[in-house]
Protein backbone atom coordinates (compact mmCIF):
# COMPACT_ATOMS: atom_id res chain seq x y z
CA MET A 1 43.14 0.53 -6.02
CA THR A 2 45.57 -0.92 -3.23
CA PHE A 3 44.20 -2.09 -0.08
CA ASP A 4 45.93 -1.84 3.29
CA PHE A 5 44.89 -5.13 5.02
CA GLU A 6 46.45 -3.90 8.33
CA ARG A 7 43.06 -1.88 8.85
CA LYS A 8 39.43 -2.25 8.15
CA HIS A 9 37.94 -2.18 4.86
CA ARG A 10 36.09 0.92 4.66
CA PHE A 11 32.56 1.25 2.70
CA ALA A 12 30.80 4.32 2.01
CA ILE A 13 27.07 3.96 1.22
CA ILE A 14 25.11 6.50 -0.40
CA GLY A 15 21.34 6.01 0.16
CA GLY A 16 19.73 4.23 3.02
CA GLY A 17 16.99 2.35 1.52
CA PRO A 18 16.61 -1.63 1.60
CA GLY A 19 19.64 -1.82 -0.50
CA GLY A 20 21.89 0.61 1.16
CA TYR A 21 20.60 -0.62 4.62
CA GLU A 22 21.24 -4.32 4.00
CA ALA A 23 24.67 -3.38 2.53
CA ALA A 24 25.55 -1.21 5.73
CA LEU A 25 24.43 -4.19 8.08
CA SER A 26 26.09 -6.88 6.19
CA ALA A 27 29.40 -4.95 5.87
CA ALA A 28 29.32 -4.03 9.50
CA GLN A 29 28.49 -7.68 10.73
CA LEU A 30 31.65 -8.70 8.58
CA GLY A 31 33.84 -6.21 10.76
CA ALA A 32 34.21 -3.39 8.23
CA GLU A 33 34.36 0.39 8.87
CA VAL A 34 30.96 1.61 7.36
CA THR A 35 29.56 5.17 6.75
CA LEU A 36 26.08 5.34 5.66
CA VAL A 37 24.83 8.75 3.91
CA GLU A 38 20.95 9.20 3.82
CA GLY A 39 18.92 12.38 3.46
CA ALA A 40 15.50 11.43 4.12
CA GLY A 41 15.91 8.85 7.04
CA VAL A 42 16.89 5.13 7.07
CA GLY A 43 14.87 3.09 4.82
CA GLY A 44 14.83 5.62 2.37
CA ALA A 45 11.64 6.22 0.08
CA ALA A 46 10.63 2.46 0.20
CA VAL A 47 9.98 2.81 4.06
CA LEU A 48 8.98 6.37 4.42
CA THR A 49 7.03 7.26 1.22
CA ASP A 50 6.33 4.18 -0.85
CA VAL A 51 6.39 0.35 0.02
CA VAL A 52 5.54 0.66 3.69
CA PRO A 53 2.81 3.29 3.58
CA SER A 54 1.27 1.89 0.45
CA LYS A 55 0.91 -1.62 1.76
CA THR A 56 -0.32 -0.22 4.97
CA LEU A 57 -3.06 1.58 3.27
CA ILE A 58 -3.81 -1.61 1.32
CA ALA A 59 -4.08 -3.68 4.61
CA THR A 60 -6.69 -1.05 5.67
CA ALA A 61 -8.47 -1.40 2.43
CA ASP A 62 -8.55 -5.12 2.81
CA ALA A 63 -9.97 -4.73 6.27
CA ALA A 64 -12.84 -2.59 4.90
CA GLN A 65 -13.58 -5.21 2.08
CA ALA A 66 -13.60 -7.91 4.52
CA ILE A 67 -16.25 -6.18 6.73
CA ASN A 68 -18.14 -5.18 3.53
CA GLY A 69 -18.19 -8.73 2.48
CA ALA A 70 -18.65 -10.31 5.77
CA GLY A 71 -22.71 -10.85 4.78
CA GLU A 72 -21.69 -13.64 2.37
CA LEU A 73 -20.67 -15.50 5.44
CA GLY A 74 -23.77 -15.07 7.40
CA VAL A 75 -22.17 -12.24 9.55
CA GLN A 76 -24.47 -9.26 9.70
CA PHE A 77 -23.88 -5.75 11.50
CA PHE A 78 -26.75 -4.02 12.81
CA ALA A 79 -27.35 -1.00 15.44
CA LYS A 80 -30.73 -0.31 17.19
CA ASP A 81 -32.87 2.70 17.00
CA GLY A 82 -34.84 4.26 19.66
CA SER A 83 -37.80 1.72 19.31
CA GLY A 84 -35.44 -1.16 19.08
CA LYS A 85 -35.61 -1.87 15.38
CA PRO A 86 -32.57 -2.79 13.91
CA LEU A 87 -30.57 -0.69 11.66
CA LYS A 88 -27.80 -1.57 8.96
CA PRO A 89 -24.81 0.72 9.60
CA GLU A 90 -22.59 2.05 7.06
CA THR A 91 -18.52 1.54 7.00
CA ALA A 92 -16.95 4.62 7.34
CA ILE A 93 -13.31 5.28 6.56
CA ASN A 94 -11.53 7.86 8.66
CA LEU A 95 -8.66 8.56 6.29
CA HIS A 96 -7.09 11.04 8.32
CA ALA A 97 -6.69 8.64 10.94
CA VAL A 98 -5.70 6.01 8.62
CA ASN A 99 -2.97 8.18 7.06
CA LYS A 100 -1.78 9.20 10.61
CA ARG A 101 -1.28 5.73 11.65
CA ILE A 102 0.49 4.70 8.21
CA LEU A 103 3.08 7.58 8.70
CA ALA A 104 3.72 6.57 12.27
CA LEU A 105 4.28 3.12 11.28
CA ALA A 106 6.66 4.23 8.69
CA GLY A 107 8.54 6.53 10.82
CA GLN A 108 8.68 3.64 13.69
CA GLN A 109 9.93 1.38 11.18
CA SER A 110 12.66 3.94 10.01
CA GLU A 111 13.71 4.27 13.47
CA ASP A 112 13.99 0.74 14.21
CA MET A 113 16.35 0.44 11.13
CA ARG A 114 18.28 3.22 12.34
CA GLN A 115 18.76 1.79 15.73
CA GLN A 116 19.77 -1.51 14.31
CA LEU A 117 22.74 0.24 12.22
CA ILE A 118 24.06 2.05 15.12
CA GLU A 119 24.05 -1.09 17.47
CA ALA A 120 26.09 -2.94 14.46
CA GLY A 121 28.43 0.03 14.32
CA VAL A 122 27.64 1.74 11.36
CA THR A 123 28.20 5.65 11.26
CA ILE A 124 24.96 7.48 9.81
CA LEU A 125 25.34 11.06 8.18
CA SER A 126 22.49 12.84 7.27
CA GLY A 127 22.73 14.75 4.13
CA HIS A 128 23.41 14.40 0.37
CA GLY A 129 26.41 12.25 -0.60
CA ARG A 130 28.51 12.74 -4.01
CA MET A 131 31.31 10.50 -5.22
CA GLU A 132 34.67 12.11 -5.44
CA GLY A 133 36.50 9.95 -7.85
CA ASP A 134 36.37 6.33 -7.08
CA SER A 135 37.68 6.43 -3.68
CA ALA A 136 35.69 9.18 -1.69
CA VAL A 137 32.37 10.48 -0.99
CA VAL A 138 31.70 13.94 -0.03
CA VAL A 139 28.86 14.64 2.10
CA SER A 140 26.80 18.00 2.20
CA THR A 141 25.46 18.01 5.94
CA GLY A 142 24.42 21.74 6.51
CA PRO A 143 21.06 22.97 6.19
CA ASP A 144 22.11 25.07 3.36
CA GLY A 145 24.34 22.68 1.57
CA THR A 146 27.54 24.22 2.79
CA ASP A 147 28.86 22.09 5.15
CA PHE A 148 30.80 19.03 4.12
CA ASP A 149 32.24 15.90 5.30
CA ARG A 150 34.69 13.60 3.48
CA ILE A 151 34.89 9.94 3.57
CA GLU A 152 37.69 7.74 2.44
CA ALA A 153 36.48 4.44 1.27
CA ASP A 154 37.97 1.48 -0.36
CA THR A 155 34.27 0.45 -1.65
CA ILE A 156 31.43 2.61 -2.57
CA VAL A 157 27.89 1.35 -2.82
CA ILE A 158 25.27 3.55 -4.54
CA ALA A 159 21.74 3.01 -3.32
CA THR A 160 20.02 6.35 -4.08
CA GLY A 161 16.60 4.67 -5.33
CA SER A 162 14.41 6.54 -7.48
CA THR A 163 11.40 9.12 -7.44
CA PRO A 164 7.98 8.96 -9.15
CA ARG A 165 8.15 10.05 -12.81
CA GLU A 166 6.27 13.19 -13.59
CA LEU A 167 4.44 13.96 -16.98
CA PRO A 168 5.28 17.77 -18.28
CA ALA A 169 1.38 18.32 -18.37
CA ALA A 170 0.37 16.89 -15.32
CA LYS A 171 2.68 18.52 -12.49
CA PRO A 172 1.84 17.28 -9.30
CA ASP A 173 0.74 19.92 -6.87
CA GLY A 174 -0.10 18.05 -3.53
CA GLU A 175 -3.60 18.94 -3.56
CA ARG A 176 -5.53 17.53 -6.49
CA ILE A 177 -2.85 16.08 -8.72
CA LEU A 178 -0.99 13.58 -6.85
CA THR A 179 2.26 11.19 -6.80
CA TRP A 180 2.13 8.02 -4.59
CA LYS A 181 4.43 9.94 -2.07
CA GLN A 182 1.56 12.56 -1.61
CA VAL A 183 -1.57 10.73 -1.17
CA TYR A 184 -1.02 10.61 2.70
CA ASP A 185 -1.98 14.05 3.12
CA LEU A 186 -5.65 13.44 1.90
CA GLN A 187 -7.92 14.29 4.92
CA SER A 188 -10.83 12.08 3.40
CA VAL A 189 -11.34 9.50 0.85
CA PRO A 190 -11.64 10.92 -2.62
CA GLU A 191 -14.82 11.16 -4.14
CA HIS A 192 -13.78 10.14 -7.45
CA ILE A 193 -10.05 9.44 -8.17
CA ILE A 194 -8.60 9.14 -11.54
CA VAL A 195 -5.44 7.00 -11.59
CA VAL A 196 -3.20 7.43 -14.53
CA GLY A 197 -1.00 4.32 -15.37
CA SER A 198 -2.20 0.77 -14.81
CA GLY A 199 1.19 -0.77 -14.04
CA VAL A 200 1.82 -2.13 -10.48
CA THR A 201 1.59 1.08 -8.70
CA GLY A 202 -1.51 2.31 -10.29
CA ALA A 203 -3.49 -1.01 -10.06
CA GLU A 204 -2.32 -1.23 -6.11
CA PHE A 205 -3.73 2.20 -5.41
CA ALA A 206 -6.69 1.70 -7.77
CA SER A 207 -7.64 -1.42 -5.90
CA ALA A 208 -7.19 0.17 -2.69
CA TYR A 209 -9.15 3.41 -3.19
CA MET A 210 -12.17 1.27 -4.67
CA ASN A 211 -12.23 -0.86 -1.56
CA LEU A 212 -12.30 2.28 0.59
CA GLY A 213 -15.25 3.30 -1.18
CA ALA A 214 -13.79 5.79 -3.72
CA LYS A 215 -15.28 6.04 -7.10
CA VAL A 216 -12.21 5.19 -9.38
CA THR A 217 -11.29 5.40 -13.12
CA LEU A 218 -8.08 3.84 -14.19
CA VAL A 219 -6.45 4.97 -17.35
CA SER A 220 -4.20 2.64 -19.26
CA SER A 221 -2.34 3.18 -22.36
CA ARG A 222 -2.07 -0.53 -22.94
CA ASP A 223 -4.40 -3.31 -23.82
CA GLN A 224 -4.62 -4.82 -20.17
CA VAL A 225 -4.11 -3.59 -16.64
CA LEU A 226 -0.47 -4.63 -15.52
CA PRO A 227 0.81 -4.86 -18.97
CA GLY A 228 3.79 -7.22 -19.05
CA GLU A 229 2.33 -9.38 -16.12
CA ASP A 230 0.77 -12.76 -16.50
CA THR A 231 -2.36 -12.23 -18.72
CA ASP A 232 -4.66 -14.73 -16.87
CA ALA A 233 -3.77 -12.95 -13.72
CA ALA A 234 -4.66 -9.31 -15.25
CA ALA A 235 -8.06 -10.89 -16.80
CA VAL A 236 -8.95 -11.87 -13.13
CA LEU A 237 -7.93 -8.48 -11.69
CA GLU A 238 -9.86 -6.59 -14.52
CA LYS A 239 -12.94 -8.87 -13.86
CA VAL A 240 -12.73 -7.91 -10.10
CA PHE A 241 -12.36 -4.15 -10.91
CA THR A 242 -15.22 -4.08 -13.27
CA ARG A 243 -17.57 -6.07 -10.62
CA GLY A 244 -16.60 -3.33 -7.86
CA GLY A 245 -17.68 -0.36 -10.11
CA MET A 246 -14.16 0.60 -11.21
CA THR A 247 -13.92 2.31 -14.88
CA LEU A 248 -11.36 0.89 -16.93
CA LEU A 249 -9.97 2.99 -19.99
CA ALA A 250 -7.79 0.56 -22.05
CA ARG A 251 -5.50 2.02 -24.78
CA SER A 252 -6.06 5.38 -23.41
CA ARG A 253 -3.31 7.93 -22.90
CA ALA A 254 -3.66 11.01 -20.60
CA GLU A 255 -2.08 14.08 -22.35
CA LYS A 256 -2.83 16.80 -19.86
CA VAL A 257 -4.14 16.86 -16.22
CA VAL A 258 -5.60 20.23 -14.58
CA ASN A 259 -6.40 21.42 -11.35
CA THR A 260 -9.71 23.24 -11.47
CA GLY A 261 -9.67 24.29 -7.82
CA SER A 262 -12.66 22.03 -6.83
CA GLY A 263 -11.38 19.02 -8.84
CA VAL A 264 -9.51 17.89 -11.78
CA VAL A 265 -9.75 17.40 -15.67
CA VAL A 266 -7.87 14.71 -17.50
CA THR A 267 -7.60 15.08 -21.21
CA LEU A 268 -6.83 12.00 -23.12
CA SER A 269 -5.05 11.79 -26.46
CA ASN A 270 -8.37 11.27 -28.45
CA GLY A 271 -9.60 14.54 -27.05
CA ASP A 272 -11.93 13.02 -24.36
CA GLU A 273 -11.87 14.63 -20.87
CA ILE A 274 -12.72 12.79 -17.64
CA THR A 275 -13.66 14.91 -14.51
CA GLY A 276 -12.75 13.73 -11.01
CA SER A 277 -11.94 15.07 -7.38
CA HIS A 278 -8.46 13.93 -7.77
CA CYS A 279 -5.84 12.39 -10.10
CA LEU A 280 -3.13 9.96 -9.15
CA VAL A 281 -0.04 10.04 -11.74
CA ALA A 282 1.51 6.46 -11.40
CA VAL A 283 3.66 6.26 -14.74
CA GLY A 284 6.87 4.65 -13.50
CA SER A 285 9.93 6.38 -11.70
CA THR A 286 13.27 7.94 -12.60
CA PRO A 287 16.62 7.07 -11.00
CA ASN A 288 18.27 9.31 -8.53
CA THR A 289 21.41 9.37 -10.26
CA GLU A 290 22.05 12.89 -11.08
CA ASN A 291 24.52 15.04 -9.03
CA ILE A 292 26.15 12.14 -7.27
CA GLY A 293 29.45 12.04 -9.16
CA LEU A 294 28.95 9.09 -11.42
CA GLU A 295 30.47 11.06 -14.66
CA GLY A 296 33.51 11.98 -12.90
CA ALA A 297 34.10 8.57 -11.28
CA GLY A 298 33.50 6.85 -14.81
CA VAL A 299 30.62 4.80 -13.78
CA GLN A 300 28.79 3.71 -16.78
CA THR A 301 24.80 4.55 -16.96
CA ALA A 302 22.25 3.68 -19.41
CA ASP A 303 20.08 6.21 -21.41
CA THR A 304 17.49 6.10 -18.81
CA GLY A 305 20.03 7.30 -16.00
CA ARG A 306 20.23 3.96 -14.57
CA ILE A 307 23.46 2.64 -13.25
CA ILE A 308 24.63 -0.43 -15.23
CA VAL A 309 25.54 -3.25 -12.98
CA ASN A 310 26.57 -6.94 -13.39
CA ARG A 311 24.98 -9.97 -11.32
CA VAL A 312 26.82 -9.23 -8.05
CA GLY A 313 25.96 -5.32 -8.49
CA ARG A 314 29.45 -4.14 -9.44
CA THR A 315 29.67 -1.09 -11.72
CA SER A 316 32.02 -0.29 -14.66
CA ILE A 317 34.60 0.63 -11.93
CA PRO A 318 35.58 -2.37 -9.77
CA ASN A 319 35.52 -1.02 -6.29
CA VAL A 320 31.97 0.66 -6.87
CA TYR A 321 28.73 -1.20 -6.54
CA ALA A 322 25.20 0.09 -7.06
CA VAL A 323 21.97 -1.64 -5.90
CA GLY A 324 18.22 -0.84 -5.93
CA ASP A 325 15.92 1.37 -8.14
CA CYS A 326 18.75 3.34 -9.35
CA THR A 327 20.25 0.38 -11.55
CA ASN A 328 19.22 -1.33 -14.44
CA LEU A 329 17.85 -4.34 -12.42
CA ILE A 330 14.19 -5.20 -11.63
CA PRO A 331 13.01 -2.34 -9.12
CA LEU A 332 11.99 -4.53 -6.19
CA ALA A 333 12.78 -3.81 -2.38
CA SER A 334 13.58 -7.37 -2.11
CA VAL A 335 15.99 -7.27 -5.01
CA ALA A 336 17.62 -4.38 -3.79
CA SER A 337 18.19 -5.98 -0.16
CA MET A 338 19.43 -9.16 -1.58
CA LEU A 339 21.88 -7.27 -4.17
CA GLY A 340 22.94 -5.38 -1.09
CA ARG A 341 24.26 -8.23 0.82
CA THR A 342 25.63 -9.82 -2.48
CA ALA A 343 27.64 -6.56 -3.21
CA VAL A 344 29.25 -6.34 0.20
CA PHE A 345 30.00 -10.12 0.30
CA HIS A 346 31.76 -9.78 -3.23
CA ALA A 347 33.43 -6.71 -2.36
CA MET A 348 34.90 -8.44 1.02
CA GLY A 349 35.75 -11.53 -1.09
CA ASP A 350 33.06 -13.79 0.48
CA ALA A 351 31.46 -16.49 -1.54
CA VAL A 352 28.27 -15.28 -3.32
CA ILE A 353 25.62 -16.54 -5.61
CA PRO A 354 25.23 -14.24 -8.72
CA PHE A 355 21.72 -12.58 -8.87
CA SER A 356 19.20 -14.51 -11.23
CA ASN A 357 15.81 -12.97 -12.69
CA ASN A 358 14.44 -16.54 -12.61
CA LYS A 359 14.53 -17.12 -9.02
CA ILE A 360 12.57 -13.66 -8.19
CA ALA A 361 9.51 -14.03 -6.32
CA ALA A 362 7.45 -10.73 -6.69
CA ASN A 363 3.97 -9.69 -5.59
CA ILE A 364 1.29 -7.33 -6.64
CA PHE A 365 -0.90 -6.32 -3.52
CA THR A 366 -4.15 -5.52 -5.48
CA SER A 367 -7.25 -7.60 -4.12
CA PRO A 368 -6.69 -10.38 -4.95
CA GLU A 369 -2.95 -10.35 -4.92
CA ILE A 370 -0.89 -11.71 -7.69
CA ALA A 371 2.44 -13.42 -6.92
CA THR A 372 4.86 -14.83 -9.41
CA VAL A 373 8.22 -16.47 -9.28
CA GLY A 374 10.58 -17.95 -11.93
CA TRP A 375 10.19 -18.46 -15.53
CA ILE A 376 6.35 -18.18 -16.54
CA ASP A 377 6.51 -18.55 -20.39
CA GLY A 378 8.45 -20.35 -23.17
CA ASP A 379 8.12 -23.37 -25.32
CA ASP A 380 10.16 -25.58 -23.14
CA ALA A 381 7.63 -25.48 -20.23
CA GLU A 382 4.51 -27.13 -19.41
CA GLU A 383 1.61 -25.16 -17.70
CA TYR A 384 -1.33 -26.17 -15.50
CA LYS A 385 -3.66 -23.85 -13.92
CA LEU A 386 -6.29 -24.74 -11.12
CA PRO A 387 -8.92 -22.18 -10.17
CA ILE A 388 -8.64 -21.26 -6.71
CA ALA A 389 -12.53 -21.83 -6.24
CA ALA A 390 -11.84 -25.38 -6.54
CA ASN A 391 -9.91 -25.41 -3.14
CA PRO A 392 -11.99 -26.56 -0.07
CA ARG A 393 -10.57 -23.59 2.14
CA ALA A 394 -11.40 -20.97 -0.58
CA LYS A 395 -14.93 -22.10 -0.46
CA MET A 396 -15.14 -21.77 3.29
CA MET A 397 -13.63 -18.21 3.08
CA SER A 398 -15.95 -17.29 -0.12
CA VAL A 399 -12.89 -16.94 -2.20
CA ARG A 400 -14.02 -16.98 -5.85
CA ASP A 401 -11.46 -15.15 -7.79
CA GLY A 402 -7.98 -16.42 -8.53
CA PHE A 403 -5.87 -19.55 -9.40
CA VAL A 404 -2.70 -21.33 -8.96
CA LYS A 405 -0.70 -21.97 -12.03
CA LEU A 406 2.55 -23.90 -12.17
CA TYR A 407 5.20 -24.16 -15.07
CA ALA A 408 7.35 -27.39 -15.08
CA ARG A 409 10.16 -28.06 -17.55
CA LYS A 410 9.25 -30.78 -20.32
CA GLY A 411 11.26 -33.92 -20.26
CA SER A 412 12.05 -33.58 -16.18
CA GLY A 413 8.91 -32.06 -14.72
CA THR A 414 11.28 -29.64 -12.90
CA ILE A 415 9.42 -26.80 -11.65
CA VAL A 416 10.66 -23.30 -13.11
CA GLY A 417 7.93 -20.78 -12.19
CA GLY A 418 4.44 -20.18 -10.76
CA VAL A 419 1.63 -17.51 -10.49
CA VAL A 420 -0.69 -17.49 -7.62
CA VAL A 421 -3.90 -15.09 -7.75
CA ALA A 422 -5.53 -15.44 -4.31
CA PRO A 423 -5.84 -13.54 -0.93
CA LYS A 424 -2.30 -13.38 0.47
CA ALA A 425 -0.64 -14.70 -2.53
CA SER A 426 2.50 -12.95 -1.09
CA GLU A 427 2.49 -15.76 1.23
CA LEU A 428 1.41 -18.67 -0.77
CA ILE A 429 4.10 -18.08 -3.43
CA TYR A 430 6.83 -19.06 -1.11
CA PRO A 431 6.66 -22.97 -1.55
CA ILE A 432 6.92 -22.28 -5.23
CA SER A 433 9.88 -20.16 -4.65
CA ILE A 434 11.45 -22.96 -2.88
CA ALA A 435 10.55 -25.45 -5.61
CA VAL A 436 12.14 -23.30 -8.32
CA ASP A 437 15.52 -22.43 -6.29
CA ARG A 438 15.91 -26.00 -5.27
CA ARG A 439 14.95 -27.50 -8.98
CA LEU A 440 12.32 -29.75 -7.17
CA THR A 441 10.13 -31.64 -9.69
CA VAL A 442 6.25 -31.60 -9.55
CA ASP A 443 6.09 -35.22 -8.02
CA GLN A 444 8.50 -34.00 -5.18
CA LEU A 445 6.18 -31.09 -4.35
CA ALA A 446 3.31 -33.06 -4.53
CA ARG A 447 4.57 -35.47 -1.93
CA VAL A 448 4.97 -32.65 0.47
CA PHE A 449 2.20 -32.45 3.17
CA THR A 450 0.00 -29.53 3.44
CA ALA A 451 -2.41 -28.95 6.21
CA TYR A 452 -5.98 -29.69 5.14
CA PRO A 453 -7.92 -27.58 4.43
CA SER A 454 -5.70 -24.77 3.34
CA LEU A 455 -5.21 -22.59 0.66
CA THR A 456 -1.61 -23.98 0.28
CA GLY A 457 -3.30 -27.33 -0.82
CA ALA A 458 -4.03 -25.70 -4.02
CA ILE A 459 -0.57 -25.68 -4.83
CA ASN A 460 -0.18 -29.42 -3.97
CA ASP A 461 -3.28 -30.12 -5.93
CA ALA A 462 -1.82 -28.58 -9.13
CA ALA A 463 1.69 -30.32 -8.64
CA ARG A 464 -0.32 -33.60 -8.30
CA ALA A 465 -2.12 -32.87 -11.17
CA MET A 466 0.84 -32.52 -13.44
CA HIS A 467 1.92 -35.96 -12.49
CA GLY A 468 -0.64 -37.13 -15.21
CA ILE A 469 0.68 -34.66 -17.95
CA ASN A 470 3.30 -36.10 -20.40
CA LEU A 471 6.11 -34.24 -18.95
CA ARG A 472 8.63 -36.87 -19.78
CA GLY A 473 7.33 -37.59 -23.40
CA PHE A 474 8.83 -34.86 -25.22
């Protein structure tokens, strides 16, 4: 393809989720002509039906848990009856009001993002986008899919995201058998929700509904909750889940889910049946890469349908990039956003830092939260774990479950990774992320002041403790 440098660089972006949004905003800020195609609304599934709604629900569950656990801190809630005697009230969850607030917040976030793009000069088309070769995108904009717009482009960015994976024998119906997109239609807290799948999504919703007062059964096909995550972190979460009354079924696979009208029956591969009021199926996602013109343009995909990209988001076609959950990279909103910017900078000839898995900070919004960054295994790293209960601020807050774990390279003491299991671990992981990105040593991190008392002091204490480990003697 040849470029006409007398005119603006033209971008066509298919999908307005975190990756597409950041790509569009970055391109517009660099002076490009940008058209964004999005069917559901700016922000995509991440804002409208996934990340923003689920984390808002979890924030509500955390508030309910804090109220219920306030007695440990000496805070008691009472009402008085007619004779003036104290009565201990029960915490009630108005899920209809909760879900109404969740959807309103998601809608407002989408609108805020849309306004930012418009102010930056981005043209937004509502409809389904499909590549026409490698230099144009056709958009069906009519209600019946018959009206079309055609966008000529120098660079195409695909950011179409993914949708919840469905099991053939557990078809979601939006009433009793649900995906994570459908839970916000519930009018009350489920009496007994069976969560199929113990990955990040399944664990987060299981934790949230447990803290909202539902009976929860978590069906896991693996040996532990959160397979593939830090085993110590998974063990803490399992202990918390069990203590909260959740039923954990490890090494169990759901074969079939049936809506009985008044509830659900989940049949396991061993023939056992579990009855409940609702079932949430959380068994991963499938990329939205069908019918968007990939094959005709020659864009290479994996057997899973995900688009294969390099470390700057470039596909097998030089002027076509892809970002987010539709690619073969880690499906995180933060990764999609970062790669959206990187792809645009690369296409425009700006300096870029290629994407690296070893610097990703990720968080699982269970209670307690689990945050990780960097490289957390391997023979070349030394590990140190400090229980969060040893931290003075944690004691004041009655926090018992969790830890801070650091990994430092043998021979140099350079911090290469970390795990935090604690309240607001998503915030606490940041100093470790900086240490990993800037290649700080444990001694350098230990010399940084933290407020006393604070939970971040646990990170400082862990780094200080590693000074005495023979990191340089290998």
